[in-house]
Structure formats: structure tokens, C-alpha cells
């Protein structure tokens, strides 16, 4: 009872919290839970009845589902006996539901009779899920999922995971390493109080066989789907799976230039190297020429206007380019130009990265 988050602090031994008590009345079921019910037809009379058939259907707003039907009529049912069963159904639709139970039988006098009863209940949405996507320059995609408990009771979050699409590998960023042990960022308790929200973060990275094909990654529109499993008051498990999460694929144009490596801090007026990756995102072969234009603070070292050769569609090449800065502070790396000689089209790349430039008297740790 002390571990129950719904009990009053300091008064755990005087009252039970919501996690250990039965619900006050039947009437609400959460979307994603398994609806379970005991259905029984009891002979309350003092006569034997024959040919008993029992059927239970679930009526939703859009469909009628058969949950249980007698495979064959029960030959006879003696007084104070019953025909019963326990039915289960995973709820996948919100709104009003009706459990329709129908019974037919024959009296001792040979008269056929039947009746039915309806049991109404509501299916409510337990969670509000919002997602945000961030596209990184390195083809990585970061997914932020905000999950809010919109029920009136605490909820135990058993699992929240991301099932990626076939082109990606996923890394969960919801734990930290402390003394060699993986510790959840949400603490030791996995309870989510009513109207509370948690934020989960995931990093998706393209698989190697797809990362080398720029055209395929460029056209990806979905990244995967979220799997959420929880438990409520008496341990009832519920689970929801989102639809495929859409992603707005970034537009890189015909040629993409990205940085593979760059130092964080460099010395003033001392050469350093940056490693660039050039990818042909078009459907045609290009013949590229690299030009390097100096700015007020950044000066490229090397030959400008050199031929890079032909680059096939979806292929890449890496270049290590030397440069130096003549101004201290945070400087932007700019001034790269790529020209496709086939179409005589020039692509300009400015502000592709930032580097911190310090005086050479300052010892820069590498």
C-alpha cells in the first residue's frame, strides 16, 4: 500500500488507494483492453427445460460481433442449473457497446420460448499520443512521443517501444548509464498519474544497405509505429499500436553535401581539416567540379576548380578539405561551390557548419 501512488502520504495503513480497490460500478472499458464477461443462463423454475441455445453478440457503432454461441442445443436443463461461459474480446473501437445475450428453450409442454438481455458499456480512449519528428543532417531521424494519461486513475506503463520500418534501426534514448547500470529517466516507478504526460525519445538510423542509396532514403514517408502496453487498477492489461508514423522527407535537391567530420575547436590561423560527403540525389550521372571561395573569416587551402570526376546516381564520395580561420570566435564554414559540367548548373553551399576559433596561445584539447 505504501507503493501505491494513489494513497494519501502518511496514511497508507488507514485507507486503500485506487490501485487495490474494485471499481465503484461497471460501465467503462478502455480502448485496447480485453473485455471479459461471464455469461450464464440459469433455470430459476421448478421444471426441466429442453433444447437450450445461448448466444452472445457484441454490438458496436459499426459492426456486430459474435462472441459466443452454443455449438449444439443442450438437451435439457434441470432446475437450479445453468449453461454458462466466459467470453473475451479485445476492444478496438471507442464509443457505446452493447452486449446482447439471447436464450431460446422449450418448456415441458413443448412450447418454444426465447428472450434476450442487453448490457451497455462505454469504451473510452485511455491515452493521448502526440509525436514530433526531427530530421538530422546525418540521415538520422529523432522521434519525440508525448503520451498523456487521460483516464481518472493511475496507470502502470509496462512498455513503450518503437517498431521501426524495414529501412531503419532504432535506439531508445529513455535511459542513462549510472555506474554501469541502465537507469530509466523516469525513475524507479513506472506509474503515470491522471492527466500526467511523459516524453519518450527515439533515434532512427538508416540501415547500411539503404544509407548508401540516397534516392531510397529520400523517398521514405513512414518511419514505424509505437507499441504501448499498460496496466490499470487490478492489473488489467491494455495495449495500443499507432498507425504508421508519417515523415516529411527532407529535400536535398540534385546534390547533397554533408559533413562527416569537423573539429569542435581550432587554433587561429592554423590549418585544420573537414571531411565532406557529396551524394548524387538525382537520377542522372554528374560530372562535378569543386570550387572553394574564401570569406572574411574562412580561407580554404588547396586548389579551387578541381575536377571530381563522374558521380553516378545514388553514389557518394568523401573529400578531406584543408582550411584556416583568420578571425576568433564561432565561425561559419561557407564558400563551397559544386558545378555540374553536363548541365552547367552550379550548387552553392554556405553555413554548412560552425567551428570555434581560439587564440593559438590557448591549449586546444584534441
Protein backbone atom coordinates (compact mmCIF):
# COMPACT_ATOMS: atom_id res chain seq x y z
CA UNK A 1 0.00 0.00 0.00
CA UNK A 2 2.96 2.33 0.57
CA UNK A 3 4.00 1.78 -3.05
CA UNK A 4 0.52 2.67 -4.33
CA UNK A 5 0.84 6.19 -5.83
CA UNK A 6 -2.86 6.93 -5.23
CA UNK A 7 -2.78 6.55 -1.42
CA UNK A 8 -2.52 9.55 0.90
CA UNK A 9 1.06 10.12 2.04
CA UNK A 10 1.40 9.23 5.72
CA UNK A 11 -1.98 7.48 5.85
CA UNK A 12 -1.24 4.34 3.86
CA UNK A 13 -2.39 1.98 6.62
CA UNK A 14 -5.79 3.71 7.04
CA UNK A 15 -7.13 3.64 3.51
CA UNK A 16 -6.56 1.74 0.31
CA UNK A 17 -5.58 3.54 -2.85
CA UNK A 18 -7.29 3.18 -6.22
CA UNK A 19 -4.82 0.54 -7.39
CA UNK A 20 -6.06 -2.00 -4.83
CA UNK A 21 -9.81 -1.44 -4.88
CA UNK A 22 -12.57 -2.63 -7.17
CA UNK A 23 -14.12 -0.02 -9.48
CA UNK A 24 -17.30 1.53 -7.99
CA UNK A 25 -19.50 0.31 -10.85
CA UNK A 26 -19.37 -1.38 -14.23
CA UNK A 27 -19.80 0.83 -17.24
CA UNK A 28 -16.47 1.87 -18.77
CA UNK A 29 -13.81 -0.11 -20.62
CA UNK A 30 -10.61 1.33 -22.08
CA UNK A 31 -9.71 1.05 -25.74
CA UNK A 32 -7.04 -1.62 -26.15
CA UNK A 33 -8.11 -3.65 -23.11
CA UNK A 34 -9.61 -7.13 -23.24
CA UNK A 35 -13.30 -7.10 -22.35
CA UNK A 36 -14.12 -10.21 -20.29
CA UNK A 37 -17.57 -11.27 -19.15
CA UNK A 38 -19.26 -14.22 -17.51
CA UNK A 39 -22.49 -15.15 -19.31
CA UNK A 40 -24.88 -17.68 -17.79
CA UNK A 41 -28.46 -18.82 -18.41
CA UNK A 42 -29.88 -20.14 -15.13
CA UNK A 43 -33.03 -22.24 -14.76
CA UNK A 44 -34.93 -20.48 -11.97
CA UNK A 45 -38.08 -22.57 -12.39
CA UNK A 46 -39.03 -25.92 -10.83
CA UNK A 47 -39.37 -27.57 -14.24
CA UNK A 48 -36.92 -29.15 -16.64
CA UNK A 49 -36.46 -27.22 -19.90
CA UNK A 50 -35.08 -28.62 -23.15
CA UNK A 51 -33.19 -27.63 -26.28
CA UNK A 52 -31.43 -24.64 -24.71
CA UNK A 53 -29.46 -22.36 -27.05
CA UNK A 54 -27.43 -19.41 -25.73
CA UNK A 55 -25.82 -16.73 -27.88
CA UNK A 56 -23.81 -13.60 -27.00
CA UNK A 57 -23.06 -10.82 -29.53
CA UNK A 58 -21.27 -7.52 -29.16
CA UNK A 59 -22.89 -4.60 -30.99
CA UNK A 60 -20.67 -1.58 -31.73
CA UNK A 61 -21.39 1.54 -33.74
CA UNK A 62 -20.06 -0.06 -36.92
CA UNK A 63 -20.41 -3.83 -36.60
CA UNK A 64 -21.92 -6.78 -34.75
CA UNK A 65 -19.52 -9.46 -33.48
CA UNK A 66 -20.40 -12.97 -32.35
CA UNK A 67 -18.58 -13.70 -29.07
CA UNK A 68 -20.23 -16.98 -28.09
CA UNK A 69 -22.84 -19.33 -29.48
CA UNK A 70 -23.78 -22.83 -28.37
CA UNK A 71 -22.38 -25.33 -30.84
CA UNK A 72 -25.37 -27.58 -30.22
CA UNK A 73 -28.55 -27.31 -28.20
CA UNK A 74 -28.33 -28.52 -24.61
CA UNK A 75 -30.73 -31.46 -24.37
CA UNK A 76 -32.17 -30.48 -21.01
CA UNK A 77 -31.57 -28.14 -18.13
CA UNK A 78 -32.72 -29.17 -14.67
CA UNK A 79 -33.97 -26.68 -12.05
CA UNK A 80 -31.27 -24.59 -10.38
CA UNK A 81 -28.73 -25.49 -13.12
CA UNK A 82 -27.18 -23.23 -15.71
CA UNK A 83 -25.43 -23.05 -19.07
CA UNK A 84 -22.52 -20.64 -18.88
CA UNK A 85 -19.25 -19.47 -20.41
CA UNK A 86 -16.58 -16.78 -20.00
CA UNK A 87 -16.09 -14.65 -23.12
CA UNK A 88 -13.18 -12.41 -24.06
CA UNK A 89 -12.83 -9.73 -26.70
CA UNK A 90 -10.05 -7.20 -27.39
CA UNK A 91 -11.74 -3.82 -27.72
CA UNK A 92 -10.68 -1.95 -30.85
CA UNK A 93 -13.37 0.70 -31.19
CA UNK A 94 -14.42 3.61 -28.97
CA UNK A 95 -17.98 4.61 -28.16
CA UNK A 96 -21.11 2.82 -26.95
CA UNK A 97 -21.13 -1.01 -26.94
CA UNK A 98 -23.99 -3.41 -26.25
CA UNK A 99 -23.53 -6.99 -25.08
CA UNK A 100 -26.61 -8.77 -26.50
CA UNK A 101 -27.40 -12.13 -24.86
CA UNK A 102 -30.17 -14.28 -26.40
CA UNK A 103 -31.62 -17.51 -24.99
CA UNK A 104 -34.09 -19.92 -26.58
CA UNK A 105 -35.57 -23.07 -24.97
CA UNK A 106 -38.53 -25.48 -24.99
CA UNK A 107 -40.82 -25.91 -21.98
CA UNK A 108 -42.11 -29.22 -20.68
CA UNK A 109 -45.32 -28.56 -22.52
CA UNK A 110 -43.46 -28.30 -25.85
CA UNK A 111 -43.80 -24.52 -26.13
CA UNK A 112 -40.81 -22.74 -27.63
CA UNK A 113 -39.77 -19.57 -25.88
CA UNK A 114 -36.94 -17.06 -26.17
CA UNK A 115 -35.73 -13.83 -24.58
CA UNK A 116 -32.73 -11.55 -24.68
CA UNK A 117 -30.99 -9.03 -22.46
CA UNK A 118 -28.74 -6.06 -23.24
CA UNK A 119 -25.79 -4.86 -21.17
CA UNK A 120 -24.46 -1.44 -22.15
CA UNK A 121 -20.97 -0.08 -21.57
CA UNK A 122 -18.76 2.69 -22.92
CA UNK A 123 -15.29 2.28 -24.44
CA UNK A 124 -13.07 5.28 -23.68
CA UNK A 125 -9.73 6.43 -25.06
CA UNK A 126 -7.07 5.91 -22.34
CA UNK A 127 -4.13 7.82 -23.82
CA UNK A 128 -3.47 10.92 -25.86
CA UNK A 129 -0.43 10.38 -28.08
CA UNK A 130 1.35 13.22 -29.90
CA UNK A 131 4.51 12.82 -31.97
CA UNK A 132 7.16 15.16 -33.36
CA UNK A 133 9.84 14.30 -35.91
CA UNK A 134 13.25 15.91 -36.38
CA UNK A 135 15.41 15.18 -39.43
CA UNK A 136 19.16 15.36 -38.73
CA UNK A 137 21.82 16.17 -41.33
CA UNK A 138 23.28 12.69 -40.93
CA UNK A 139 20.10 10.94 -42.21
CA UNK A 140 19.11 10.17 -38.61
CA UNK A 141 15.52 10.81 -37.56
CA UNK A 142 14.61 11.69 -33.96
CA UNK A 143 11.09 10.87 -32.78
CA UNK A 144 9.61 12.54 -29.70
CA UNK A 145 6.43 10.86 -28.42
CA UNK A 146 4.28 12.64 -25.80
CA UNK A 147 1.94 10.22 -24.01
CA UNK A 148 -0.74 11.57 -21.65
CA UNK A 149 -2.95 9.55 -19.29
CA UNK A 150 -6.45 10.96 -19.89
CA UNK A 151 -8.23 8.49 -17.56
CA UNK A 152 -9.19 9.18 -13.94
CA UNK A 153 -6.89 6.54 -12.41
CA UNK A 154 -3.13 5.96 -12.20
CA UNK A 155 -1.68 3.78 -14.94
CA UNK A 156 1.34 1.49 -14.89
CA UNK A 157 3.32 1.90 -18.12
CA UNK A 158 4.62 -1.58 -18.84
CA UNK A 159 6.19 -0.90 -22.24
CA UNK A 160 6.54 1.95 -24.72
CA UNK A 161 8.60 0.96 -27.77
CA UNK A 162 9.03 1.95 -31.39
CA UNK A 163 8.76 -0.68 -34.11
CA UNK A 164 10.79 0.80 -36.99
CA UNK A 165 10.16 0.35 -40.69
CA UNK A 166 12.37 -2.05 -42.64
CA UNK A 167 14.87 0.67 -43.60
CA UNK A 168 15.77 1.81 -40.08
CA UNK A 169 17.37 0.64 -36.85
CA UNK A 170 16.08 2.26 -33.67
CA UNK A 171 17.84 3.30 -30.46
CA UNK A 172 15.81 4.19 -27.35
CA UNK A 173 17.01 7.34 -25.57
CA UNK A 174 14.93 6.95 -22.42
CA UNK A 175 17.62 5.74 -20.02
CA UNK A 176 21.03 6.80 -18.71
CA UNK A 177 24.06 4.80 -17.67
CA UNK A 178 24.88 5.17 -13.99
CA UNK A 179 27.82 3.17 -12.62
CA UNK A 180 27.45 0.64 -15.42
CA UNK A 181 23.72 0.20 -14.82
CA UNK A 182 20.98 1.31 -17.20
CA UNK A 183 18.56 3.55 -15.28
CA UNK A 184 15.25 4.86 -16.66
CA UNK A 185 14.98 8.63 -16.98
CA UNK A 186 11.51 8.38 -15.39
CA UNK A 187 12.82 6.92 -12.14
CA UNK A 188 12.09 3.62 -10.41
CA UNK A 189 8.29 3.93 -10.61
CA UNK A 190 6.59 3.49 -13.94
CA UNK A 191 3.25 4.98 -12.84
CA UNK A 192 1.56 7.70 -14.87
CA UNK A 193 -0.88 9.76 -12.84
CA UNK A 194 -4.17 11.05 -14.33
CA UNK A 195 -3.57 13.87 -16.85
CA UNK A 196 0.22 13.50 -16.49
CA UNK A 197 2.39 13.39 -19.63
CA UNK A 198 5.65 11.63 -20.40
CA UNK A 199 8.00 12.30 -23.29
CA UNK A 200 9.81 9.39 -24.95
CA UNK A 201 12.69 9.89 -27.39
CA UNK A 202 13.95 7.54 -30.12
CA UNK A 203 16.70 7.79 -32.71
CA UNK A 204 16.27 6.04 -36.06
CA UNK A 205 19.30 5.41 -38.23
CA UNK A 206 19.17 4.08 -41.81
CA UNK A 207 20.47 0.55 -42.27
CA UNK A 208 23.75 0.31 -44.11
CA UNK A 209 22.26 -1.19 -47.27
CA UNK A 210 19.82 1.72 -47.55
CA UNK A 211 22.08 4.54 -46.32
CA UNK A 212 24.24 4.14 -49.43
CA UNK A 213 21.24 4.68 -51.71
CA UNK A 214 20.34 8.34 -51.50
CA UNK A 215 17.25 8.03 -53.66
CA UNK A 216 15.61 5.41 -51.44
CA UNK A 217 16.10 7.31 -48.17
CA UNK A 218 14.93 10.49 -49.85
CA UNK A 219 11.60 8.89 -50.71
CA UNK A 220 10.82 7.36 -47.27
CA UNK A 221 7.47 8.59 -45.95
CA UNK A 222 6.96 6.37 -42.85
CA UNK A 223 9.39 5.50 -40.06
CA UNK A 224 7.49 2.96 -37.94
CA UNK A 225 4.80 2.69 -35.28
CA UNK A 226 4.57 2.94 -31.49
CA UNK A 227 3.64 -0.04 -29.28
CA UNK A 228 2.19 0.93 -25.88
CA UNK A 229 1.33 -1.56 -23.11
CA UNK A 230 -0.11 -0.56 -19.72
CA UNK A 231 -1.92 -1.97 -16.68
CA UNK A 232 -4.76 -0.40 -14.72
CA UNK A 233 -6.33 -0.83 -11.26
CA UNK A 234 -6.44 -4.60 -10.86
CA UNK A 235 -3.73 -5.49 -13.34
CA UNK A 236 -5.89 -5.40 -16.46
CA UNK A 237 -3.50 -5.16 -19.37
CA UNK A 238 -4.21 -2.90 -22.30
CA UNK A 239 -2.25 -2.29 -25.47
CA UNK A 240 -2.39 0.15 -28.33
CA UNK A 241 -0.43 0.41 -31.55
CA UNK A 242 -0.37 3.59 -33.56
CA UNK A 243 -0.67 3.66 -37.31
CA UNK A 244 2.50 4.13 -39.37
CA UNK A 245 4.02 7.47 -38.39
CA UNK A 246 4.46 9.71 -41.46
CA UNK A 247 7.64 11.61 -42.09
CA UNK A 248 8.19 14.63 -44.29
CA UNK A 249 11.26 13.62 -46.27
CA UNK A 250 13.79 16.47 -46.46
CA UNK A 251 14.53 17.85 -49.90
CA UNK A 252 18.22 17.86 -50.73
CA UNK A 253 17.95 18.77 -54.40
CA UNK A 254 20.12 17.08 -57.02
CA UNK A 255 23.35 17.15 -54.99
CA UNK A 256 23.67 16.80 -51.23
CA UNK A 257 26.72 17.95 -49.30
CA UNK A 258 27.04 16.81 -45.68
CA UNK A 259 29.85 16.94 -43.10
CA UNK A 260 31.28 13.65 -41.90
CA UNK A 261 33.91 15.11 -39.54
CA UNK A 262 34.88 18.56 -38.22
CA UNK A 263 36.78 19.61 -35.07
CA UNK A 264 34.86 21.48 -32.40
CA UNK A 265 37.69 23.91 -31.61
CA UNK A 266 40.69 25.02 -33.70
CA UNK A 267 43.61 27.45 -33.32
CA UNK A 268 43.66 30.83 -35.00
CA UNK A 269 45.50 30.89 -38.36
CA UNK A 270 46.37 27.20 -38.15
CA UNK A 271 45.15 24.75 -40.84
CA UNK A 272 42.56 22.12 -39.96
CA UNK A 273 40.59 19.61 -42.00
CA UNK A 274 36.89 18.96 -42.56
CA UNK A 275 35.58 15.81 -44.23
CA UNK A 276 32.70 16.35 -46.64
CA UNK A 277 30.45 13.79 -48.26
CA UNK A 278 28.95 14.56 -51.67
CA UNK A 279 25.93 12.50 -52.75
CA UNK A 280 24.22 12.45 -56.13
CA UNK A 281 20.49 12.50 -55.29
CA UNK A 282 19.35 12.79 -58.90
CA UNK A 283 18.61 10.07 -61.43
CA UNK A 284 21.43 11.03 -63.81
CA UNK A 285 25.22 10.88 -63.82
CA UNK A 286 27.02 14.13 -62.95
CA UNK A 287 30.46 15.46 -63.82
CA UNK A 288 31.37 17.69 -60.88
CA UNK A 289 33.89 20.49 -60.39
CA UNK A 290 34.65 21.78 -56.86
CA UNK A 291 35.31 25.49 -56.26
CA UNK A 292 36.29 26.95 -52.89
CA UNK A 293 35.53 30.62 -52.23
CA UNK A 294 37.11 32.43 -49.29
CA UNK A 295 35.02 34.50 -46.87
CA UNK A 296 36.05 37.27 -44.46
CA UNK A 297 37.00 34.74 -41.80
CA UNK A 298 37.38 31.35 -43.53
CA UNK A 299 40.19 30.68 -46.03
CA UNK A 300 40.38 27.44 -47.98
CA UNK A 301 43.78 25.83 -48.50
CA UNK A 302 44.22 23.93 -51.74
CA UNK A 303 43.37 24.12 -55.41
CA UNK A 304 39.98 25.54 -56.38
CA UNK A 305 38.27 24.40 -59.56
CA UNK A 306 39.48 20.82 -59.48
CA UNK A 307 37.68 18.02 -61.24
CA UNK A 308 35.95 15.47 -59.02
CA UNK A 309 35.00 13.20 -61.92
CA UNK A 310 31.74 11.49 -62.73
CA UNK A 311 29.31 10.61 -59.96
CA UNK A 312 26.60 8.03 -60.66
CA UNK A 313 23.03 8.30 -59.28
CA UNK A 314 22.74 7.49 -55.54
CA UNK A 315 26.53 7.21 -55.20
CA UNK A 316 28.77 9.28 -52.92
CA UNK A 317 32.37 10.40 -52.46
CA UNK A 318 34.21 11.79 -49.44
CA UNK A 319 36.71 14.66 -49.51
CA UNK A 320 39.10 15.91 -46.81
CA UNK A 321 39.42 19.68 -47.31
CA UNK A 322 42.01 21.88 -45.50
CA UNK A 323 41.15 25.41 -44.34
CA UNK A 324 42.05 28.00 -41.69
CA UNK A 325 40.35 30.89 -39.94
CA UNK A 326 41.73 34.42 -39.56
CA UNK A 327 39.12 35.55 -37.02
CA UNK A 328 38.47 34.30 -33.48
CA UNK A 329 35.10 33.20 -32.16
CA UNK A 330 32.36 30.99 -33.55
CA UNK A 331 32.85 30.98 -37.32
CA UNK A 332 30.62 29.58 -40.05
CA UNK A 333 32.13 27.33 -42.71
CA UNK A 334 30.96 28.60 -46.10
CA UNK A 335 32.07 29.08 -49.67
CA UNK A 336 31.81 25.65 -51.32
CA UNK A 337 30.54 25.51 -54.90
CA UNK A 338 29.81 22.40 -57.00
CA UNK A 339 29.28 22.71 -60.74
CA UNK A 340 27.77 20.00 -62.94
CA UNK A 341 29.53 20.43 -66.29
CA UNK A 342 26.89 18.37 -68.10
CA UNK A 343 24.10 20.87 -67.39
CA UNK A 344 26.39 23.80 -66.49
CA UNK A 345 24.50 24.13 -63.21
CA UNK A 346 26.17 25.42 -60.02
CA UNK A 347 25.14 24.40 -56.47
CA UNK A 348 26.13 26.75 -53.61
CA UNK A 349 26.75 25.57 -50.03
CA UNK A 350 27.06 28.14 -47.25
CA UNK A 351 26.74 27.88 -43.47
CA UNK A 352 27.28 24.14 -43.61
CA UNK A 353 28.86 24.02 -40.11
CA UNK A 354 30.28 26.13 -37.28
CA UNK A 355 33.67 25.90 -35.62
CA UNK A 356 35.06 27.65 -32.52
CA UNK A 357 38.33 29.50 -33.26
CA UNK A 358 40.59 30.39 -30.32
CA UNK A 359 43.95 32.07 -29.99
CA UNK A 360 46.94 29.81 -30.58
CA UNK A 361 48.10 30.68 -27.04
CA UNK A 362 45.13 28.64 -25.76
CA UNK A 363 45.81 24.92 -25.49
CA UNK A 364 43.19 23.13 -27.59
CA UNK A 365 42.39 19.59 -26.45
CA UNK A 366 42.02 17.15 -29.33
